């Protein structure tokens, strides 16, 4: 029956992803056994189902029993999402900094030991910072009461199966892979702009060997805007973290998504529309490094592409955010 499906969803949605299917099957079997015992073979009606579900207790309490965990600084409802976000952030940091280390070692193979030492210290330092900030963020969410909300009053001792909300449509559910991808891209954005802008550029080869890298960005200007870069990355992680926690598109989540995307777009546009953030000597350096001087037509073509690409970075990013925002509202208002 629909009410049984609602109850099972309300319980399992609070549990780790890996446990949900097995517990759902076990709980459904338990409910069916209780109904058989209660009805003695007679047809099951709505009142029988409600009585059994009330006997089982509030979905939150039953989920706590299945979880078998005590309270933390970050409560049980958020703890699984907290661990998931930590793992994703740590993995993204490790991958991004490993790529930086490899590129730096290729560019300057004689300094590989120095790069290795910097790589290890950077990974440890960044991981500690990530742990602190993610923990603070989830602790604040716990304090503010941002918990998995499936439509039932959490603080009320009395509840009724009729209070159970419908199981969300498959189209409303947020795939974990989408949120994970968003967190990874936020970390990559931070690492590559903050720690590796000197390898973010055009690589020049000679006889199959890398001889130089012409950076796209002005490293001095990047340092001046580092706080904005941090804020953009943190907003991205917060936004995707909310998606992981809530697990489905709601009107409130769509509004949060709109606000965070708007702030991100304003900061990103401010950051990349500042011409000084781009390498002002890019074309000159490209021409100097090239053994064969670029002819005028080729030079003008590359220059045009270079100038237009700076605008298209902002346009492309804007389109992605608009699609994400519109998609969120569309899924939130699906019936």
Protein backbone atom coordinates (compact mmCIF):
# COMPACT_ATOMS: atom_id res chain seq x y z
CA UNK A 1 0.00 0.00 0.00
CA UNK A 2 1.04 3.60 -0.57
CA UNK A 3 1.19 4.38 3.16
CA UNK A 4 3.62 1.51 3.71
CA UNK A 5 5.84 2.81 0.89
CA UNK A 6 5.82 6.27 2.47
CA UNK A 7 6.77 4.88 5.87
CA UNK A 8 9.61 2.75 4.51
CA UNK A 9 10.98 5.71 2.56
CA UNK A 10 10.73 7.98 5.61
CA UNK A 11 12.82 5.48 7.60
CA UNK A 12 15.40 4.43 5.01
CA UNK A 13 16.00 7.96 3.71
CA UNK A 14 17.69 8.73 7.04
CA UNK A 15 20.10 5.80 6.72
CA UNK A 16 23.40 5.35 4.81
CA UNK A 17 22.92 4.62 1.12
CA UNK A 18 24.53 1.18 1.40
CA UNK A 19 21.99 0.01 4.01
CA UNK A 20 18.77 1.33 2.52
CA UNK A 21 17.82 -1.50 0.16
CA UNK A 22 18.36 -4.30 2.71
CA UNK A 23 16.59 -2.45 5.52
CA UNK A 24 13.69 -1.52 3.23
CA UNK A 25 13.22 -5.19 2.34
CA UNK A 26 13.49 -6.25 5.98
CA UNK A 27 11.08 -3.56 7.17
CA UNK A 28 8.53 -4.39 4.48
CA UNK A 29 8.61 -8.04 5.54
CA UNK A 30 8.17 -7.07 9.19
CA UNK A 31 5.16 -4.88 8.39
CA UNK A 32 3.55 -7.63 6.30
CA UNK A 33 4.04 -10.15 9.13
CA UNK A 34 2.51 -7.75 11.66
CA UNK A 35 -0.48 -7.16 9.37
CA UNK A 36 -1.06 -10.92 8.95
CA UNK A 37 -0.92 -11.38 12.70
CA UNK A 38 -3.27 -8.45 13.32
CA UNK A 39 -5.91 -9.35 10.70
CA UNK A 40 -5.87 -13.15 11.13
CA UNK A 41 -6.31 -13.63 7.41
CA UNK A 42 -9.01 -11.00 6.97
CA UNK A 43 -8.59 -8.31 4.25
CA UNK A 44 -6.22 -5.54 5.32
CA UNK A 45 -7.74 -2.08 5.53
CA UNK A 46 -6.33 1.40 6.08
CA UNK A 47 -6.91 1.30 9.85
CA UNK A 48 -4.91 -1.92 10.18
CA UNK A 49 -1.96 -0.38 8.35
CA UNK A 50 -2.08 2.77 10.49
CA UNK A 51 -2.18 0.73 13.70
CA UNK A 52 0.86 -1.33 12.68
CA UNK A 53 2.87 1.72 11.67
CA UNK A 54 2.01 3.54 14.89
CA UNK A 55 3.10 0.45 16.80
CA UNK A 56 6.45 0.50 14.97
CA UNK A 57 6.92 4.12 16.01
CA UNK A 58 8.05 7.40 14.51
CA UNK A 59 10.22 6.86 11.38
CA UNK A 60 12.99 8.93 12.98
CA UNK A 61 13.09 6.73 16.08
CA UNK A 62 13.03 3.54 14.05
CA UNK A 63 15.84 4.84 11.84
CA UNK A 64 17.88 5.55 14.98
CA UNK A 65 17.40 1.94 16.07
CA UNK A 66 18.52 0.60 12.71
CA UNK A 67 21.46 2.98 12.65
CA UNK A 68 22.51 1.96 16.13
CA UNK A 69 24.56 5.14 16.57
CA UNK A 70 24.69 7.77 19.29
CA UNK A 71 24.66 11.52 18.91
CA UNK A 72 27.71 13.41 17.69
CA UNK A 73 28.68 17.05 17.35
CA UNK A 74 27.16 16.43 13.95
CA UNK A 75 23.92 14.55 14.50
CA UNK A 76 23.10 11.11 13.09
CA UNK A 77 20.93 12.54 10.29
CA UNK A 78 23.85 14.57 8.95
CA UNK A 79 26.78 12.38 9.94
CA UNK A 80 26.64 10.10 6.90
CA UNK A 81 26.48 13.09 4.53
CA UNK A 82 29.32 14.70 6.51
CA UNK A 83 31.56 11.67 6.00
CA UNK A 84 30.62 11.52 2.32
CA UNK A 85 31.52 15.17 1.74
CA UNK A 86 34.82 14.75 3.63
CA UNK A 87 35.77 11.75 1.49
CA UNK A 88 34.87 13.57 -1.72
CA UNK A 89 36.81 16.71 -0.74
CA UNK A 90 39.88 14.72 0.34
CA UNK A 91 39.81 12.68 -2.89
CA UNK A 92 39.45 15.78 -5.07
CA UNK A 93 42.31 17.52 -3.24
CA UNK A 94 44.55 14.49 -3.63
CA UNK A 95 43.82 14.15 -7.36
CA UNK A 96 44.23 17.88 -8.09
CA UNK A 97 47.49 18.22 -6.18
CA UNK A 98 48.83 15.00 -7.68
CA UNK A 99 48.26 16.42 -11.16
CA UNK A 100 50.05 19.61 -10.12
CA UNK A 101 52.97 17.59 -8.75
CA UNK A 102 53.28 15.56 -11.97
CA UNK A 103 53.23 18.66 -14.17
CA UNK A 104 55.76 20.48 -11.98
CA UNK A 105 58.05 17.43 -12.05
CA UNK A 106 57.86 17.29 -15.86
CA UNK A 107 58.62 21.00 -16.18
CA UNK A 108 61.48 20.94 -13.66
CA UNK A 109 62.67 17.32 -13.32
CA UNK A 110 65.81 18.40 -11.44
CA UNK A 111 63.67 19.77 -8.61
CA UNK A 112 61.49 16.68 -8.21
CA UNK A 113 62.53 16.19 -4.56
CA UNK A 114 61.57 19.77 -3.77
CA UNK A 115 58.26 19.32 -5.60
CA UNK A 116 57.62 16.06 -3.71
CA UNK A 117 58.19 17.76 -0.36
CA UNK A 118 55.88 20.61 -1.38
CA UNK A 119 53.29 18.11 -2.58
CA UNK A 120 53.24 16.19 0.71
CA UNK A 121 53.08 19.33 2.88
CA UNK A 122 50.41 20.87 0.65
CA UNK A 123 48.23 17.74 0.79
CA UNK A 124 48.51 17.56 4.59
CA UNK A 125 47.87 21.28 5.06
CA UNK A 126 44.94 21.40 2.62
CA UNK A 127 43.40 18.24 4.10
CA UNK A 128 43.54 19.67 7.62
CA UNK A 129 41.92 22.91 6.45
CA UNK A 130 39.27 20.99 4.55
CA UNK A 131 38.52 18.86 7.60
CA UNK A 132 38.15 21.93 9.81
CA UNK A 133 35.93 23.90 7.43
CA UNK A 134 33.71 20.98 6.42
CA UNK A 135 33.27 20.07 10.09
CA UNK A 136 32.42 23.67 11.01
CA UNK A 137 29.96 23.88 8.12
CA UNK A 138 28.10 20.73 9.14
CA UNK A 139 28.19 21.68 12.83
CA UNK A 140 26.52 24.99 11.92
CA UNK A 141 23.97 23.12 9.81
CA UNK A 142 23.23 20.87 12.78
CA UNK A 143 22.90 23.84 15.12
CA UNK A 144 20.57 25.63 12.69
CA UNK A 145 18.45 22.52 12.33
CA UNK A 146 19.29 21.76 8.70
CA UNK A 147 18.48 18.06 8.84
CA UNK A 148 16.93 15.54 6.52
CA UNK A 149 13.33 16.62 6.35
CA UNK A 150 10.84 14.14 4.99
CA UNK A 151 7.80 16.11 5.98
CA UNK A 152 7.16 14.87 9.52
CA UNK A 153 7.52 17.00 12.62
CA UNK A 154 10.81 15.89 14.15
CA UNK A 155 10.15 17.19 17.68
CA UNK A 156 6.62 15.95 18.08
CA UNK A 157 6.08 12.81 20.12
CA UNK A 158 2.76 12.22 18.41
CA UNK A 159 2.58 11.33 14.79
CA UNK A 160 0.22 9.63 12.42
CA UNK A 161 0.91 7.58 9.29
CA UNK A 162 -1.33 10.04 7.44
CA UNK A 163 1.39 12.65 8.06
CA UNK A 164 3.81 10.74 5.87
CA UNK A 165 4.70 12.64 2.68
CA UNK A 166 4.66 10.88 -0.69
CA UNK A 167 7.79 9.12 -1.88
CA UNK A 168 9.49 11.67 -4.19
CA UNK A 169 9.28 11.15 -7.91
CA UNK A 170 12.41 9.65 -9.41
CA UNK A 171 12.88 12.86 -11.42
CA UNK A 172 12.97 14.92 -8.21
CA UNK A 173 15.67 12.84 -6.60
CA UNK A 174 19.21 14.20 -6.78
CA UNK A 175 21.76 11.69 -7.99
CA UNK A 176 24.77 11.47 -5.71
CA UNK A 177 27.05 11.48 -8.74
CA UNK A 178 25.84 14.96 -9.75
CA UNK A 179 26.55 16.44 -6.32
CA UNK A 180 29.91 14.66 -6.09
CA UNK A 181 30.93 16.01 -9.50
CA UNK A 182 30.04 19.53 -8.39
CA UNK A 183 32.18 19.24 -5.25
CA UNK A 184 35.11 17.86 -7.25
CA UNK A 185 34.96 20.73 -9.75
CA UNK A 186 34.85 23.28 -6.92
CA UNK A 187 38.01 21.77 -5.42
CA UNK A 188 39.74 21.64 -8.81
CA UNK A 189 38.84 25.29 -9.40
CA UNK A 190 40.42 26.29 -6.08
CA UNK A 191 43.56 24.16 -6.42
CA UNK A 192 44.39 25.04 -10.02
CA UNK A 193 43.88 28.76 -9.53
CA UNK A 194 45.49 29.04 -6.13
CA UNK A 195 48.27 26.47 -6.14
CA UNK A 196 49.08 25.90 -9.77
CA UNK A 197 48.39 28.95 -11.90
CA UNK A 198 52.01 28.70 -13.04
CA UNK A 199 51.20 25.40 -14.82
CA UNK A 200 47.79 26.50 -16.09
CA UNK A 201 48.70 27.57 -19.60
CA UNK A 202 50.11 26.62 -23.01
CA UNK A 203 52.86 24.01 -22.80
CA UNK A 204 55.70 24.50 -25.29
CA UNK A 205 57.64 21.44 -26.47
CA UNK A 206 60.95 21.13 -28.28
CA UNK A 207 62.10 17.79 -29.70
CA UNK A 208 59.39 16.07 -27.70
CA UNK A 209 60.45 17.69 -24.42
CA UNK A 210 58.56 20.30 -22.45
CA UNK A 211 60.62 23.49 -22.38
CA UNK A 212 58.24 26.14 -21.05
CA UNK A 213 54.70 26.96 -19.95
CA UNK A 214 53.07 30.22 -20.98
CA UNK A 215 50.50 30.93 -18.23
CA UNK A 216 46.99 32.09 -19.04
CA UNK A 217 46.67 33.95 -15.76
CA UNK A 218 48.60 36.61 -13.90
CA UNK A 219 49.86 34.88 -10.74
CA UNK A 220 50.37 38.19 -8.91
CA UNK A 221 46.79 39.25 -9.57
CA UNK A 222 45.53 35.78 -8.58
CA UNK A 223 47.05 36.23 -5.12
CA UNK A 224 45.25 39.55 -4.75
CA UNK A 225 41.91 37.88 -5.51
CA UNK A 226 42.56 34.71 -3.51
CA UNK A 227 39.79 35.43 -0.99
CA UNK A 228 37.21 35.63 -3.80
CA UNK A 229 38.51 32.34 -5.21
CA UNK A 230 38.12 30.71 -1.80
CA UNK A 231 34.56 32.02 -1.45
CA UNK A 232 33.56 30.72 -4.90
CA UNK A 233 34.93 27.26 -4.08
CA UNK A 234 33.27 27.17 -0.64
CA UNK A 235 29.91 28.22 -2.09
CA UNK A 236 30.18 25.43 -4.65
CA UNK A 237 30.89 22.86 -1.93
CA UNK A 238 28.06 24.17 0.27
CA UNK A 239 25.60 24.05 -2.62
CA UNK A 240 26.43 20.49 -3.58
CA UNK A 241 26.56 19.49 0.08
CA UNK A 242 22.97 20.69 0.52
CA UNK A 243 21.96 18.56 -2.45
CA UNK A 244 23.59 15.52 -0.84
CA UNK A 245 21.91 16.17 2.50
CA UNK A 246 18.39 16.84 1.21
CA UNK A 247 18.55 14.24 -1.54
CA UNK A 248 15.64 15.56 -3.59
CA UNK A 249 14.62 18.82 -5.26
CA UNK A 250 12.30 20.94 -3.12
CA UNK A 251 11.12 24.51 -3.58
CA UNK A 252 13.30 25.65 -0.69
CA UNK A 253 16.38 23.90 -2.13
CA UNK A 254 15.69 25.46 -5.55
CA UNK A 255 15.65 28.92 -3.92
CA UNK A 256 18.90 28.19 -2.05
CA UNK A 257 20.39 27.00 -5.32
CA UNK A 258 19.31 30.21 -7.07
CA UNK A 259 20.81 32.44 -4.36
CA UNK A 260 24.12 30.57 -4.24
CA UNK A 261 24.38 30.48 -8.04
CA UNK A 262 23.67 34.23 -8.24
CA UNK A 263 26.40 35.01 -5.70
CA UNK A 264 28.82 32.69 -7.51
CA UNK A 265 28.09 34.32 -10.88
CA UNK A 266 28.63 37.84 -9.50
CA UNK A 267 31.96 36.88 -7.94
CA UNK A 268 33.11 34.87 -10.98
CA UNK A 269 32.23 37.70 -13.38
CA UNK A 270 34.04 40.22 -11.19
CA UNK A 271 37.06 37.95 -11.03
CA UNK A 272 37.44 37.09 -14.71
CA UNK A 273 36.25 40.32 -16.27
CA UNK A 274 39.18 42.06 -14.64
CA UNK A 275 41.61 42.07 -17.57
CA UNK A 276 44.58 42.28 -15.21
CA UNK A 277 43.90 38.73 -13.99
CA UNK A 278 44.85 37.42 -17.43
CA UNK A 279 48.49 37.23 -18.45
CA UNK A 280 49.04 40.62 -20.16
CA UNK A 281 52.14 39.31 -21.99
CA UNK A 282 50.60 36.07 -23.23
CA UNK A 283 50.82 36.84 -26.96
CA UNK A 284 54.30 38.33 -26.68
CA UNK A 285 55.59 35.33 -24.72
CA UNK A 286 53.98 32.92 -27.17
CA UNK A 287 55.70 34.64 -30.08
CA UNK A 288 59.07 34.73 -28.31
CA UNK A 289 59.05 31.09 -27.25
CA UNK A 290 58.08 29.93 -30.73
CA UNK A 291 61.27 29.16 -32.67
CA UNK A 292 59.65 30.15 -35.93
CA UNK A 293 58.15 33.61 -35.61
CA UNK A 294 54.43 33.67 -36.15
CA UNK A 295 53.38 35.36 -39.37
CA UNK A 296 50.96 38.27 -39.13
CA UNK A 297 47.85 36.32 -40.12
CA UNK A 298 48.56 33.51 -37.66
CA UNK A 299 49.40 35.99 -34.92
CA UNK A 300 46.15 37.91 -35.45
CA UNK A 301 44.10 34.68 -35.49
CA UNK A 302 45.61 33.47 -32.21
CA UNK A 303 45.19 36.94 -30.71
CA UNK A 304 41.51 37.00 -31.70
CA UNK A 305 40.94 33.55 -30.19
CA UNK A 306 42.79 34.62 -27.02
CA UNK A 307 40.70 37.77 -26.58
CA UNK A 308 37.41 36.03 -27.31
CA UNK A 309 38.19 33.07 -25.06
CA UNK A 310 38.36 35.36 -22.03
CA UNK A 311 34.78 36.47 -22.69
CA UNK A 312 33.56 32.97 -23.47
CA UNK A 313 34.86 31.68 -20.14
CA UNK A 314 32.41 33.96 -18.35
CA UNK A 315 29.60 33.27 -20.85
CA UNK A 316 30.08 29.51 -20.61
CA UNK A 317 30.11 29.59 -16.83
CA UNK A 318 26.97 31.75 -16.84
CA UNK A 319 25.13 29.31 -19.11
CA UNK A 320 26.04 26.38 -16.84
CA UNK A 321 24.71 28.20 -13.75
CA UNK A 322 21.51 29.24 -15.54
CA UNK A 323 20.85 25.66 -16.66
CA UNK A 324 21.51 24.40 -13.12
CA UNK A 325 19.14 26.99 -11.63
CA UNK A 326 16.31 26.46 -14.12
CA UNK A 327 16.66 22.69 -13.89
CA UNK A 328 16.40 22.90 -10.09
CA UNK A 329 13.16 24.87 -10.19
CA UNK A 330 11.71 22.65 -12.91
CA UNK A 331 12.35 19.47 -10.89
CA UNK A 332 11.19 21.10 -7.64
CA UNK A 333 7.81 22.01 -9.12
CA UNK A 334 7.22 18.66 -10.80
CA UNK A 335 4.05 16.98 -9.59
